[in-house]
């Protein structure tokens, strides 16, 4: 999800001669995804109704791994291979905790499957390639490395305890394939972030979801369309770390927090008495309260006044349109 006219400078493109595996063959597993979402879908306001990005074929039967926001609530999905073959796809599964999405091709892709990487999250320093599908060769890839492995808290009630950060950044990151030194899939591109180094210089990084997190949940996603365990409590809060603490930027329309009376600009202080000084702490405190539907007390501050607000949480999935198979 980036500018459609992106280009990668020649000096950042990987040279197949520099890799011990068949890079062109690996790039053949990378496909383009285009999805259309109904205008009345819950995610349409924030993510739009037409979405484009990348996926990776991970099984010979046409199973594609991508980032979930590309295909969430999609009523139609089209997969385009590096050879130009176009096949309809079906949104098979999604997982809110990791952010992964699975798409099943409804026709033959005639595309090789990329093997999944190990069950352990790789360390910083690993040399990688981050590849998107807009170009079917090295022109769509960036030679990069994992520069950090650390927690990442997202404003949309999301937290990875071990996220991968790569540089230089790819300009079309959504669903991009993070390929390791053995030609195996190490992660899926999710975001681009701005970071300042010790000298104050700005550096763009990509955040990738480690494929190591897929191994324990893949069977459930294929069988049930989601991980077979109780959903986490969800408030419908979009918040950010600011100098004064965790501040609500906006609220999901008709979500639990909005219905209970929280407002944009409120500062979250604690969840059920557990003080939280940063975004990661807020989400950890919320999820420690139980499963979706649990009633929690949010301590917040508005205009310098502290107040307590009971909120009955929800299952985020209940607000989304279920995938439809045509």
C-alpha atoms as a PDB file:
ATOM      1  CA  UNK A   1       0.000   0.000   0.000  1.00  0.00           C
ATOM      2  CA  UNK A   2       2.175   2.726  -1.366  1.00  0.00           C
ATOM      3  CA  UNK A   3       2.379   4.981  -4.373  1.00  0.00           C
ATOM      4  CA  UNK A   4       1.558   3.005  -7.526  1.00  0.00           C
ATOM      5  CA  UNK A   5       4.382   4.746  -9.408  1.00  0.00           C
ATOM      6  CA  UNK A   6       7.114   3.589  -7.050  1.00  0.00           C
ATOM      7  CA  UNK A   7      10.486   2.654  -8.461  1.00  0.00           C
ATOM      8  CA  UNK A   8      13.501   1.102  -6.783  1.00  0.00           C
ATOM      9  CA  UNK A   9      16.885   2.662  -7.574  1.00  0.00           C
ATOM     10  CA  UNK A  10      19.229   0.364  -9.454  1.00  0.00           C
ATOM     11  CA  UNK A  11      21.755   0.371  -6.617  1.00  0.00           C
ATOM     12  CA  UNK A  12      19.213  -1.090  -4.161  1.00  0.00           C
ATOM     13  CA  UNK A  13      18.139  -3.967  -6.385  1.00  0.00           C
ATOM     14  CA  UNK A  14      19.561  -7.398  -5.553  1.00  0.00           C
ATOM     15  CA  UNK A  15      22.025  -9.021  -7.933  1.00  0.00           C
ATOM     16  CA  UNK A  16      21.178 -12.728  -8.327  1.00  0.00           C
ATOM     17  CA  UNK A  17      24.898 -13.510  -8.450  1.00  0.00           C
ATOM     18  CA  UNK A  18      25.228 -12.384  -4.816  1.00  0.00           C
ATOM     19  CA  UNK A  19      22.898 -15.105  -3.451  1.00  0.00           C
ATOM     20  CA  UNK A  20      23.411 -18.801  -2.806  1.00  0.00           C
ATOM     21  CA  UNK A  21      19.883 -19.645  -3.938  1.00  0.00           C
ATOM     22  CA  UNK A  22      17.995 -19.105  -7.188  1.00  0.00           C
ATOM     23  CA  UNK A  23      16.696 -15.571  -6.617  1.00  0.00           C
ATOM     24  CA  UNK A  24      14.690 -15.321  -9.857  1.00  0.00           C
ATOM     25  CA  UNK A  25      12.935 -18.600  -8.988  1.00  0.00           C
ATOM     26  CA  UNK A  26      12.119 -17.300  -5.505  1.00  0.00           C
ATOM     27  CA  UNK A  27      10.716 -14.089  -6.958  1.00  0.00           C
ATOM     28  CA  UNK A  28       8.442 -16.234  -9.101  1.00  0.00           C
ATOM     29  CA  UNK A  29       6.531 -17.146  -5.935  1.00  0.00           C
ATOM     30  CA  UNK A  30       5.635 -13.488  -5.327  1.00  0.00           C
ATOM     31  CA  UNK A  31       2.226 -12.450  -6.669  1.00  0.00           C
ATOM     32  CA  UNK A  32       0.205  -9.263  -6.913  1.00  0.00           C
ATOM     33  CA  UNK A  33      -3.115  -8.984  -5.082  1.00  0.00           C
ATOM     34  CA  UNK A  34      -5.989  -6.666  -5.878  1.00  0.00           C
ATOM     35  CA  UNK A  35      -9.085  -6.686  -3.678  1.00  0.00           C
ATOM     36  CA  UNK A  36     -12.394  -4.873  -3.629  1.00  0.00           C
ATOM     37  CA  UNK A  37     -14.251  -4.234  -0.381  1.00  0.00           C
ATOM     38  CA  UNK A  38     -17.909  -3.152  -0.005  1.00  0.00           C
ATOM     39  CA  UNK A  39     -18.391   0.527   0.783  1.00  0.00           C
ATOM     40  CA  UNK A  40     -20.297  -0.346   3.959  1.00  0.00           C
ATOM     41  CA  UNK A  41     -17.522  -2.602   5.290  1.00  0.00           C
ATOM     42  CA  UNK A  42     -16.171  -1.742   8.733  1.00  0.00           C
ATOM     43  CA  UNK A  43     -12.623  -1.272   7.394  1.00  0.00           C
ATOM     44  CA  UNK A  44     -13.605   0.703   4.283  1.00  0.00           C
ATOM     45  CA  UNK A  45     -13.306   4.100   5.966  1.00  0.00           C
ATOM     46  CA  UNK A  46      -9.727   3.537   7.130  1.00  0.00           C
ATOM     47  CA  UNK A  47      -8.335   1.188   4.463  1.00  0.00           C
ATOM     48  CA  UNK A  48     -10.447   2.072   1.430  1.00  0.00           C
ATOM     49  CA  UNK A  49     -12.532  -0.114  -0.843  1.00  0.00           C
ATOM     50  CA  UNK A  50      -9.839  -0.896  -3.419  1.00  0.00           C
ATOM     51  CA  UNK A  51      -6.572  -2.320  -2.142  1.00  0.00           C
ATOM     52  CA  UNK A  52      -3.443  -3.504  -3.915  1.00  0.00           C
ATOM     53  CA  UNK A  53      -0.381  -5.230  -2.604  1.00  0.00           C
ATOM     54  CA  UNK A  54       1.628  -8.418  -2.585  1.00  0.00           C
ATOM     55  CA  UNK A  55       1.276 -12.035  -1.515  1.00  0.00           C
ATOM     56  CA  UNK A  56       3.509 -15.100  -1.529  1.00  0.00           C
ATOM     57  CA  UNK A  57       2.514 -18.545  -2.768  1.00  0.00           C
ATOM     58  CA  UNK A  58       3.404 -20.943   0.068  1.00  0.00           C
ATOM     59  CA  UNK A  59       1.745 -24.137  -1.124  1.00  0.00           C
ATOM     60  CA  UNK A  60       1.484 -25.895  -4.474  1.00  0.00           C
ATOM     61  CA  UNK A  61      -2.327 -25.762  -4.374  1.00  0.00           C
ATOM     62  CA  UNK A  62      -2.268 -21.946  -4.645  1.00  0.00           C
ATOM     63  CA  UNK A  63      -2.340 -20.926  -0.987  1.00  0.00           C
ATOM     64  CA  UNK A  64      -1.118 -17.321  -0.712  1.00  0.00           C
ATOM     65  CA  UNK A  65       0.168 -15.665   2.457  1.00  0.00           C
ATOM     66  CA  UNK A  66      -0.217 -11.902   2.731  1.00  0.00           C
ATOM     67  CA  UNK A  67      -0.847  -9.143   5.237  1.00  0.00           C
ATOM     68  CA  UNK A  68      -4.421  -9.215   6.432  1.00  0.00           C
ATOM     69  CA  UNK A  69      -5.408  -5.596   5.821  1.00  0.00           C
ATOM     70  CA  UNK A  70      -5.139  -6.141   2.066  1.00  0.00           C
ATOM     71  CA  UNK A  71      -7.915  -8.724   1.992  1.00  0.00           C
ATOM     72  CA  UNK A  72      -9.981  -8.089   5.127  1.00  0.00           C
ATOM     73  CA  UNK A  73     -13.729  -7.985   4.257  1.00  0.00           C
ATOM     74  CA  UNK A  74     -12.943  -8.370   0.547  1.00  0.00           C
ATOM     75  CA  UNK A  75     -15.848  -9.319  -1.725  1.00  0.00           C
ATOM     76  CA  UNK A  76     -13.477 -10.023  -4.630  1.00  0.00           C
ATOM     77  CA  UNK A  77      -9.751 -10.766  -4.905  1.00  0.00           C
ATOM     78  CA  UNK A  78      -7.624 -11.168  -8.014  1.00  0.00           C
ATOM     79  CA  UNK A  79      -4.166 -12.728  -8.036  1.00  0.00           C
ATOM     80  CA  UNK A  80      -1.649 -11.891 -10.749  1.00  0.00           C
ATOM     81  CA  UNK A  81       1.490 -14.011 -11.117  1.00  0.00           C
ATOM     82  CA  UNK A  82       4.897 -12.886 -12.342  1.00  0.00           C
ATOM     83  CA  UNK A  83       4.092 -14.410 -15.737  1.00  0.00           C
ATOM     84  CA  UNK A  84       0.925 -12.317 -16.005  1.00  0.00           C
ATOM     85  CA  UNK A  85      -1.557 -15.093 -15.250  1.00  0.00           C
ATOM     86  CA  UNK A  86      -4.678 -13.713 -13.473  1.00  0.00           C
ATOM     87  CA  UNK A  87      -6.730 -15.951 -11.165  1.00  0.00           C
ATOM     88  CA  UNK A  88      -9.574 -15.194  -8.783  1.00  0.00           C
ATOM     89  CA  UNK A  89      -8.877 -15.711  -5.086  1.00  0.00           C
ATOM     90  CA  UNK A  90     -10.881 -16.221  -1.910  1.00  0.00           C
ATOM     91  CA  UNK A  91     -10.079 -14.668   1.480  1.00  0.00           C
ATOM     92  CA  UNK A  92      -9.618 -17.894   3.403  1.00  0.00           C
ATOM     93  CA  UNK A  93      -8.464 -16.766   6.836  1.00  0.00           C
ATOM     94  CA  UNK A  94      -7.111 -13.920   8.925  1.00  0.00           C
ATOM     95  CA  UNK A  95      -5.489 -13.537  12.309  1.00  0.00           C
ATOM     96  CA  UNK A  96      -5.698 -10.255  14.205  1.00  0.00           C
ATOM     97  CA  UNK A  97      -2.907 -11.122  16.634  1.00  0.00           C
ATOM     98  CA  UNK A  98      -0.210 -11.583  13.986  1.00  0.00           C
ATOM     99  CA  UNK A  99      -1.805  -9.648  11.132  1.00  0.00           C
ATOM    100  CA  UNK A 100      -1.495 -12.504   8.628  1.00  0.00           C
ATOM    101  CA  UNK A 101      -4.075 -13.183   5.936  1.00  0.00           C
ATOM    102  CA  UNK A 102      -4.494 -16.258   3.747  1.00  0.00           C
ATOM    103  CA  UNK A 103      -5.927 -16.266   0.225  1.00  0.00           C
ATOM    104  CA  UNK A 104      -6.786 -19.401  -1.703  1.00  0.00           C
ATOM    105  CA  UNK A 105      -6.433 -19.237  -5.470  1.00  0.00           C
ATOM    106  CA  UNK A 106      -9.566 -20.561  -7.168  1.00  0.00           C
ATOM    107  CA  UNK A 107      -7.661 -21.598 -10.268  1.00  0.00           C
ATOM    108  CA  UNK A 108      -4.221 -22.892 -11.184  1.00  0.00           C
ATOM    109  CA  UNK A 109      -1.487 -20.341 -10.583  1.00  0.00           C
ATOM    110  CA  UNK A 110       1.292 -22.418 -12.144  1.00  0.00           C
ATOM    111  CA  UNK A 111       3.638 -20.695  -9.717  1.00  0.00           C
ATOM    112  CA  UNK A 112       6.290 -22.290  -7.469  1.00  0.00           C
ATOM    113  CA  UNK A 113       5.696 -22.245  -3.729  1.00  0.00           C
ATOM    114  CA  UNK A 114       8.228 -20.544  -1.488  1.00  0.00           C
ATOM    115  CA  UNK A 115       9.258 -22.659   1.514  1.00  0.00           C
ATOM    116  CA  UNK A 116       8.586 -21.192   4.929  1.00  0.00           C
ATOM    117  CA  UNK A 117      11.504 -20.180   7.095  1.00  0.00           C
ATOM    118  CA  UNK A 118      12.328 -21.666  10.514  1.00  0.00           C
ATOM    119  CA  UNK A 119      10.107 -21.601  13.588  1.00  0.00           C
ATOM    120  CA  UNK A 120      12.529 -19.223  15.337  1.00  0.00           C
ATOM    121  CA  UNK A 121      12.444 -15.474  14.681  1.00  0.00           C
ATOM    122  CA  UNK A 122      15.725 -14.505  12.982  1.00  0.00           C
ATOM    123  CA  UNK A 123      18.237 -12.225  14.650  1.00  0.00           C
ATOM    124  CA  UNK A 124      19.252  -8.775  13.481  1.00  0.00           C
ATOM    125  CA  UNK A 125      22.031  -8.731  10.925  1.00  0.00           C
ATOM    126  CA  UNK A 126      20.589 -11.334   8.543  1.00  0.00           C
ATOM    127  CA  UNK A 127      20.918 -10.325   4.888  1.00  0.00           C
ATOM    128  CA  UNK A 128      17.556 -10.441   3.135  1.00  0.00           C
ATOM    129  CA  UNK A 129      15.565  -9.417   0.077  1.00  0.00           C
ATOM    130  CA  UNK A 130      12.191  -7.680   0.368  1.00  0.00           C
ATOM    131  CA  UNK A 131      10.184  -8.264  -2.795  1.00  0.00           C
ATOM    132  CA  UNK A 132       6.893  -6.826  -4.017  1.00  0.00           C
ATOM    133  CA  UNK A 133       4.923  -7.976  -7.036  1.00  0.00           C
ATOM    134  CA  UNK A 134       4.611  -4.811  -9.104  1.00  0.00           C
ATOM    135  CA  UNK A 135       7.669  -5.889 -11.084  1.00  0.00           C
ATOM    136  CA  UNK A 136       8.270  -9.602 -11.807  1.00  0.00           C
ATOM    137  CA  UNK A 137      12.040  -9.490 -11.442  1.00  0.00           C
ATOM    138  CA  UNK A 138      14.811  -7.845  -9.429  1.00  0.00           C
ATOM    139  CA  UNK A 139      13.312  -4.430 -10.256  1.00  0.00           C
ATOM    140  CA  UNK A 140      10.583  -5.157  -7.710  1.00  0.00           C
ATOM    141  CA  UNK A 141      12.965  -6.152  -4.918  1.00  0.00           C
ATOM    142  CA  UNK A 142      15.237  -4.402  -2.433  1.00  0.00           C
ATOM    143  CA  UNK A 143      18.459  -5.889  -1.100  1.00  0.00           C
ATOM    144  CA  UNK A 144      18.186  -5.204   2.632  1.00  0.00           C
ATOM    145  CA  UNK A 145      18.989  -6.590   6.042  1.00  0.00           C
ATOM    146  CA  UNK A 146      17.220  -7.106   9.330  1.00  0.00           C
ATOM    147  CA  UNK A 147      18.380  -4.173  11.438  1.00  0.00           C
ATOM    148  CA  UNK A 148      16.313  -4.902  14.554  1.00  0.00           C
ATOM    149  CA  UNK A 149      14.150  -7.539  16.202  1.00  0.00           C
ATOM    150  CA  UNK A 150      12.043  -5.909  18.881  1.00  0.00           C
ATOM    151  CA  UNK A 151       8.450  -5.316  20.044  1.00  0.00           C
ATOM    152  CA  UNK A 152       6.105  -3.238  17.930  1.00  0.00           C
ATOM    153  CA  UNK A 153       2.859  -1.722  19.216  1.00  0.00           C
ATOM    154  CA  UNK A 154       0.309  -0.589  16.640  1.00  0.00           C
ATOM    155  CA  UNK A 155      -2.326   2.072  17.232  1.00  0.00           C
ATOM    156  CA  UNK A 156      -5.126  -0.333  16.194  1.00  0.00           C
ATOM    157  CA  UNK A 157      -4.873  -2.581  19.316  1.00  0.00           C
ATOM    158  CA  UNK A 158      -1.992  -4.603  17.923  1.00  0.00           C
ATOM    159  CA  UNK A 159       1.256  -5.790  19.419  1.00  0.00           C
ATOM    160  CA  UNK A 160       4.070  -8.024  18.215  1.00  0.00           C
ATOM    161  CA  UNK A 161       6.569  -8.970  20.878  1.00  0.00           C
ATOM    162  CA  UNK A 162       9.146  -9.764  18.172  1.00  0.00           C
ATOM    163  CA  UNK A 163       8.746  -7.779  14.971  1.00  0.00           C
ATOM    164  CA  UNK A 164      11.381  -7.578  12.244  1.00  0.00           C
ATOM    165  CA  UNK A 165      12.630  -4.216  10.996  1.00  0.00           C
ATOM    166  CA  UNK A 166      14.511  -4.016   7.694  1.00  0.00           C
ATOM    167  CA  UNK A 167      16.467  -1.334   5.852  1.00  0.00           C
ATOM    168  CA  UNK A 168      16.713   0.133   3.321  1.00  0.00           C
ATOM    169  CA  UNK A 169      12.948   0.366   3.054  1.00  0.00           C
ATOM    170  CA  UNK A 170      10.819  -0.938   0.209  1.00  0.00           C
ATOM    171  CA  UNK A 171       8.412   1.671  -1.218  1.00  0.00           C
ATOM    172  CA  UNK A 172       5.634  -0.927  -1.723  1.00  0.00           C
ATOM    173  CA  UNK A 173       5.652  -2.823   1.533  1.00  0.00           C
ATOM    174  CA  UNK A 174       2.124  -4.214   1.926  1.00  0.00           C
ATOM    175  CA  UNK A 175       2.398  -8.010   1.857  1.00  0.00           C
ATOM    176  CA  UNK A 176       5.945  -7.952   0.457  1.00  0.00           C
ATOM    177  CA  UNK A 177       8.009 -11.137   0.809  1.00  0.00           C
ATOM    178  CA  UNK A 178      11.000 -11.029   3.165  1.00  0.00           C
ATOM    179  CA  UNK A 179      13.307 -13.684   1.733  1.00  0.00           C
ATOM    180  CA  UNK A 180      16.152 -15.069   3.819  1.00  0.00           C
ATOM    181  CA  UNK A 181      19.650 -16.171   2.783  1.00  0.00           C
ATOM    182  CA  UNK A 182      18.456 -19.722   1.996  1.00  0.00           C
ATOM    183  CA  UNK A 183      15.612 -18.584  -0.243  1.00  0.00           C
ATOM    184  CA  UNK A 184      12.985 -19.227   2.425  1.00  0.00           C
ATOM    185  CA  UNK A 185      10.216 -16.854   3.514  1.00  0.00           C
ATOM    186  CA  UNK A 186      11.135 -15.075   6.754  1.00  0.00           C
ATOM    187  CA  UNK A 187       8.388 -12.454   6.983  1.00  0.00           C
ATOM    188  CA  UNK A 188       5.596 -10.474   5.379  1.00  0.00           C
ATOM    189  CA  UNK A 189       5.835  -6.707   4.941  1.00  0.00           C
ATOM    190  CA  UNK A 190       3.347  -4.670   6.945  1.00  0.00           C
ATOM    191  CA  UNK A 191       4.424  -1.043   7.390  1.00  0.00           C
ATOM    192  CA  UNK A 192       6.968   1.634   6.654  1.00  0.00           C
ATOM    193  CA  UNK A 193       8.170   3.600   9.681  1.00  0.00           C
ATOM    194  CA  UNK A 194      10.383   6.614  10.203  1.00  0.00           C
ATOM    195  CA  UNK A 195      13.303   6.217  12.568  1.00  0.00           C
ATOM    196  CA  UNK A 196      16.058   8.619  13.604  1.00  0.00           C
ATOM    197  CA  UNK A 197      19.531   7.269  14.227  1.00  0.00           C
ATOM    198  CA  UNK A 198      21.909   8.464  16.932  1.00  0.00           C
ATOM    199  CA  UNK A 199      22.971  11.370  14.732  1.00  0.00           C
ATOM    200  CA  UNK A 200      19.386  12.499  14.229  1.00  0.00           C
ATOM    201  CA  UNK A 201      19.266  11.391  10.608  1.00  0.00           C
ATOM    202  CA  UNK A 202      15.919  10.065   9.387  1.00  0.00           C
ATOM    203  CA  UNK A 203      15.819   6.486   8.190  1.00  0.00           C
ATOM    204  CA  UNK A 204      12.848   4.651   6.712  1.00  0.00           C
ATOM    205  CA  UNK A 205      12.362   1.083   7.921  1.00  0.00           C
ATOM    206  CA  UNK A 206       9.935  -1.642   6.954  1.00  0.00           C
ATOM    207  CA  UNK A 207       8.229  -3.592   9.707  1.00  0.00           C
ATOM    208  CA  UNK A 208       7.690  -7.226   8.772  1.00  0.00           C
ATOM    209  CA  UNK A 209       5.662  -9.870  10.583  1.00  0.00           C
ATOM    210  CA  UNK A 210       7.898 -12.921  11.195  1.00  0.00           C
ATOM    211  CA  UNK A 211       6.766 -16.099   9.438  1.00  0.00           C
ATOM    212  CA  UNK A 212       7.902 -17.942  12.563  1.00  0.00           C
ATOM    213  CA  UNK A 213       4.587 -16.782  14.063  1.00  0.00           C
ATOM    214  CA  UNK A 214       2.653 -18.568  11.316  1.00  0.00           C
ATOM    215  CA  UNK A 215       3.839 -22.094  12.082  1.00  0.00           C
ATOM    216  CA  UNK A 216       1.797 -22.662  15.270  1.00  0.00           C
ATOM    217  CA  UNK A 217      -1.427 -21.187  13.836  1.00  0.00           C
ATOM    218  CA  UNK A 218      -1.438 -22.267  10.191  1.00  0.00           C
ATOM    219  CA  UNK A 219      -3.451 -25.463  10.697  1.00  0.00           C
ATOM    220  CA  UNK A 220      -6.131 -23.569  12.652  1.00  0.00           C
ATOM    221  CA  UNK A 221      -6.324 -20.839  10.023  1.00  0.00           C
ATOM    222  CA  UNK A 222      -6.808 -23.406   7.274  1.00  0.00           C
ATOM    223  CA  UNK A 223      -9.412 -25.367   9.228  1.00  0.00           C
ATOM    224  CA  UNK A 224     -11.405 -22.616  10.946  1.00  0.00           C
ATOM    225  CA  UNK A 225     -10.531 -19.381   9.133  1.00  0.00           C
ATOM    226  CA  UNK A 226      -9.031 -18.031  12.354  1.00  0.00           C
ATOM    227  CA  UNK A 227      -7.041 -19.289  15.313  1.00  0.00           C
ATOM    228  CA  UNK A 228      -9.158 -21.685  17.355  1.00  0.00           C
ATOM    229  CA  UNK A 229      -9.064 -19.946  20.718  1.00  0.00           C
ATOM    230  CA  UNK A 230     -11.124 -17.261  22.463  1.00  0.00           C
ATOM    231  CA  UNK A 231     -10.726 -13.825  20.915  1.00  0.00           C
ATOM    232  CA  UNK A 232      -8.924 -11.072  22.768  1.00  0.00           C
ATOM    233  CA  UNK A 233     -10.987  -8.230  24.210  1.00  0.00           C
ATOM    234  CA  UNK A 234     -11.248  -5.304  21.801  1.00  0.00           C
ATOM    235  CA  UNK A 235     -12.285  -1.725  22.648  1.00  0.00           C
ATOM    236  CA  UNK A 236     -12.220  -0.030  19.244  1.00  0.00           C
ATOM    237  CA  UNK A 237      -9.563   2.489  20.270  1.00  0.00           C
ATOM    238  CA  UNK A 238      -6.920   3.989  17.985  1.00  0.00           C
ATOM    239  CA  UNK A 239      -4.225   5.426  20.221  1.00  0.00           C
ATOM    240  CA  UNK A 240      -0.623   6.594  20.049  1.00  0.00           C
ATOM    241  CA  UNK A 241       2.363   7.170  22.313  1.00  0.00           C
ATOM    242  CA  UNK A 242       2.846  10.888  22.870  1.00  0.00           C
ATOM    243  CA  UNK A 243       4.937  12.947  25.284  1.00  0.00           C
ATOM    244  CA  UNK A 244       2.051  13.158  27.748  1.00  0.00           C
ATOM    245  CA  UNK A 245       1.305   9.424  27.538  1.00  0.00           C
ATOM    246  CA  UNK A 246      -1.051   7.194  25.560  1.00  0.00           C
ATOM    247  CA  UNK A 247      -3.563   9.451  23.812  1.00  0.00           C
ATOM    248  CA  UNK A 248      -6.636   8.367  21.865  1.00  0.00           C
ATOM    249  CA  UNK A 249      -6.485   9.633  18.270  1.00  0.00           C
ATOM    250  CA  UNK A 250      -9.871   8.287  17.185  1.00  0.00           C
ATOM    251  CA  UNK A 251     -12.457   5.634  17.941  1.00  0.00           C
ATOM    252  CA  UNK A 252     -14.069   2.874  15.909  1.00  0.00           C
ATOM    253  CA  UNK A 253     -17.593   3.931  14.952  1.00  0.00           C
ATOM    254  CA  UNK A 254     -20.119   2.256  17.264  1.00  0.00           C
ATOM    255  CA  UNK A 255     -17.293   0.331  18.917  1.00  0.00           C
ATOM    256  CA  UNK A 256     -17.246  -0.482  22.651  1.00  0.00           C
ATOM    257  CA  UNK A 257     -15.139   2.546  23.647  1.00  0.00           C
ATOM    258  CA  UNK A 258     -17.204   5.039  21.652  1.00  0.00           C
ATOM    259  CA  UNK A 259     -20.466   3.650  23.017  1.00  0.00           C
ATOM    260  CA  UNK A 260     -19.107   3.842  26.566  1.00  0.00           C
ATOM    261  CA  UNK A 261     -18.138   7.516  26.224  1.00  0.00           C
ATOM    262  CA  UNK A 262     -14.409   7.676  25.567  1.00  0.00           C
ATOM    263  CA  UNK A 263     -13.410  10.503  23.222  1.00  0.00           C
ATOM    264  CA  UNK A 264     -10.545  11.416  20.932  1.00  0.00           C
ATOM    265  CA  UNK A 265      -7.968  13.325  22.974  1.00  0.00           C
ATOM    266  CA  UNK A 266      -8.542  11.320  26.163  1.00  0.00           C
ATOM    267  CA  UNK A 267      -5.353  10.007  27.765  1.00  0.00           C
ATOM    268  CA  UNK A 268      -5.434   6.365  28.877  1.00  0.00           C
ATOM    269  CA  UNK A 269      -3.851   5.891  32.296  1.00  0.00           C
ATOM    270  CA  UNK A 270      -4.715   2.338  33.318  1.00  0.00           C
ATOM    271  CA  UNK A 271      -6.794  -0.741  32.483  1.00  0.00           C
ATOM    272  CA  UNK A 272      -8.478  -2.437  35.451  1.00  0.00           C
ATOM    273  CA  UNK A 273      -6.074  -0.694  37.791  1.00  0.00           C
ATOM    274  CA  UNK A 274      -2.947  -1.696  35.871  1.00  0.00           C
ATOM    275  CA  UNK A 275      -1.054   1.505  35.131  1.00  0.00           C
ATOM    276  CA  UNK A 276       0.285   1.710  31.592  1.00  0.00           C
ATOM    277  CA  UNK A 277       2.831   4.298  30.500  1.00  0.00           C
ATOM    278  CA  UNK A 278       3.031   3.293  26.837  1.00  0.00           C
ATOM    279  CA  UNK A 279       0.938   1.765  24.077  1.00  0.00           C
ATOM    280  CA  UNK A 280       2.356  -1.723  24.482  1.00  0.00           C
ATOM    281  CA  UNK A 281       1.535  -1.622  28.181  1.00  0.00           C
ATOM    282  CA  UNK A 282      -2.070  -0.597  27.487  1.00  0.00           C
ATOM    283  CA  UNK A 283      -2.639  -3.501  25.095  1.00  0.00           C
ATOM    284  CA  UNK A 284      -0.954  -6.014  27.405  1.00  0.00           C
ATOM    285  CA  UNK A 285      -3.091  -4.834  30.320  1.00  0.00           C
ATOM    286  CA  UNK A 286      -6.267  -5.051  28.251  1.00  0.00           C
ATOM    287  CA  UNK A 287      -5.591  -8.563  26.975  1.00  0.00           C
ATOM    288  CA  UNK A 288      -4.659  -9.807  30.461  1.00  0.00           C
ATOM    289  CA  UNK A 289      -8.233  -9.095  31.615  1.00  0.00           C
ATOM    290  CA  UNK A 290      -9.707 -12.138  29.864  1.00  0.00           C
ATOM    291  CA  UNK A 291     -11.383 -12.824  26.563  1.00  0.00           C
ATOM    292  CA  UNK A 292     -13.660 -10.797  24.306  1.00  0.00           C
ATOM    293  CA  UNK A 293     -16.809  -9.730  26.132  1.00  0.00           C
ATOM    294  CA  UNK A 294     -15.065  -9.109  29.461  1.00  0.00           C
ATOM    295  CA  UNK A 295     -15.980  -5.873  31.235  1.00  0.00           C
ATOM    296  CA  UNK A 296     -12.959  -3.668  31.964  1.00  0.00           C
ATOM    297  CA  UNK A 297     -12.496  -0.353  33.712  1.00  0.00           C
ATOM    298  CA  UNK A 298     -10.496   2.221  31.777  1.00  0.00           C
ATOM    299  CA  UNK A 299      -8.872   4.980  33.804  1.00  0.00           C
ATOM    300  CA  UNK A 300      -8.460   8.056  31.643  1.00  0.00           C
ATOM    301  CA  UNK A 301      -7.810  11.771  31.797  1.00  0.00           C
ATOM    302  CA  UNK A 302      -9.750  14.516  30.004  1.00  0.00           C
ATOM    303  CA  UNK A 303      -9.050  18.230  30.412  1.00  0.00           C
ATOM    304  CA  UNK A 304      -6.890  17.485  33.458  1.00  0.00           C
ATOM    305  CA  UNK A 305      -9.580  15.432  35.197  1.00  0.00           C
ATOM    306  CA  UNK A 306      -9.175  11.723  35.907  1.00  0.00           C
ATOM    307  CA  UNK A 307     -12.214   9.481  35.523  1.00  0.00           C
ATOM    308  CA  UNK A 308     -13.091   5.787  35.450  1.00  0.00           C
ATOM    309  CA  UNK A 309     -15.187   4.286  32.676  1.00  0.00           C
ATOM    310  CA  UNK A 310     -16.506   0.701  32.572  1.00  0.00           C
ATOM    311  CA  UNK A 311     -16.455  -0.764  29.050  1.00  0.00           C
ATOM    312  CA  UNK A 312     -17.742  -4.105  27.841  1.00  0.00           C
ATOM    313  CA  UNK A 313     -15.238  -5.330  25.288  1.00  0.00           C
ATOM    314  CA  UNK A 314     -16.094  -7.056  22.000  1.00  0.00           C
ATOM    315  CA  UNK A 315     -14.674  -9.530  19.516  1.00  0.00           C
ATOM    316  CA  UNK A 316     -13.213  -7.420  16.700  1.00  0.00           C
ATOM    317  CA  UNK A 317     -14.246 -10.044  14.137  1.00  0.00           C
ATOM    318  CA  UNK A 318     -17.923  -9.476  14.936  1.00  0.00           C
ATOM    319  CA  UNK A 319     -17.679  -6.008  13.334  1.00  0.00           C
ATOM    320  CA  UNK A 320     -16.290  -7.305  10.037  1.00  0.00           C
ATOM    321  CA  UNK A 321     -18.018  -8.749   7.017  1.00  0.00           C
ATOM    322  CA  UNK A 322     -17.349 -12.450   6.614  1.00  0.00           C
ATOM    323  CA  UNK A 323     -15.639 -13.511   3.372  1.00  0.00           C
ATOM    324  CA  UNK A 324     -18.041 -14.529   0.595  1.00  0.00           C
ATOM    325  CA  UNK A 325     -17.164 -17.252  -1.867  1.00  0.00           C
ATOM    326  CA  UNK A 326     -18.413 -16.590  -5.384  1.00  0.00           C
END
